[in-house]
Amino acid sequence: MITNEVVNKGIDFIIENIDKDISVSDVAKHCNYSKYHFCRAFKEATGFSVYSYIKRLKMDYSAVRIMMDRDRSITDIGLHYGYSPSNYSTAFRKHHNISPLEFRNINYSSCDLLPDSMKMKKQLKSFEDYEKKIRIKKLEDFTVIYERCFGSYIGPGRYWREFIDKYKDYIREDTVMITRLYDNPLVTDSNQCMYDLCIKTDGNNIISIHIHSRHIINSYSSLLQQSNTVHASDLKFQYFIKDF
């Protein structure tokens, strides 16, 4: 888990401005840190350098756009993330080991793209069956206590148990638990996928400066329809998908 609040602030700034020409110095300045000390803290907390993290997000987020925005040209997507056409193709191939055009032509429904653990689930139930049970709705702004993790989106149960035990004094019978996802595991290496473990709070019961809280604005929830409510008691979770 990433418990350094300054590093999390830097990550949020990078994500919010990933389509802009941001530098390591810009991120450090936003966090009111010197470039040297911020880079050191970032590397220690995440295992990545700030520069490589910015570059990786640009490559991964643009790849998701290539997947989703089928009518948008690859050149336009590259420009959106600050790359000239020739530089984007070179950087994309270096990062993904495939050209942007080849990537767009991939059949994303193929099991060959999925991790083994996801392939087994795909054999048991089709995506269309799951899609029928998913509903999306816009929620009002709210505050959460959260901790940030890097790792596979499949089975983060151990971290949830640790998180729940750590913040058990703030959990009630009707507490909403949320996993906020940021990456697409078909694009991002599973060990580098980022997510936030969250419990909803009114903000008034946060009394320790060591507790990380944030205000989630204009979020969209995606949850199984059979779960009308999400409670701590039965450990049903609501999932938030980051809109790139």
Foldseek 3Di string as FASTA:
>chain_A
DQLPVLLVQLVVVLVVQQLDPDDLCNSCVVSVHHSVVNQVSNCVRQVDGPVVVSLLCLLQVLLVCLQPVVVDDNQVSQVSRPDHPVRNQVSNCVVQVDGSVVSSPDDVLDCVLPDPVVSVVCVVDPPVVQVVQKDKDWDAKFKKFKDKAFAAPPDPPVVVVVVCVVPVVQFDFQKAWEKEWEGDCSRDPRRGTMIMTIITDRPPPDDDPSTDMDMDHGWMKMDGNVPPGGTPVVRDHIYTYDDD
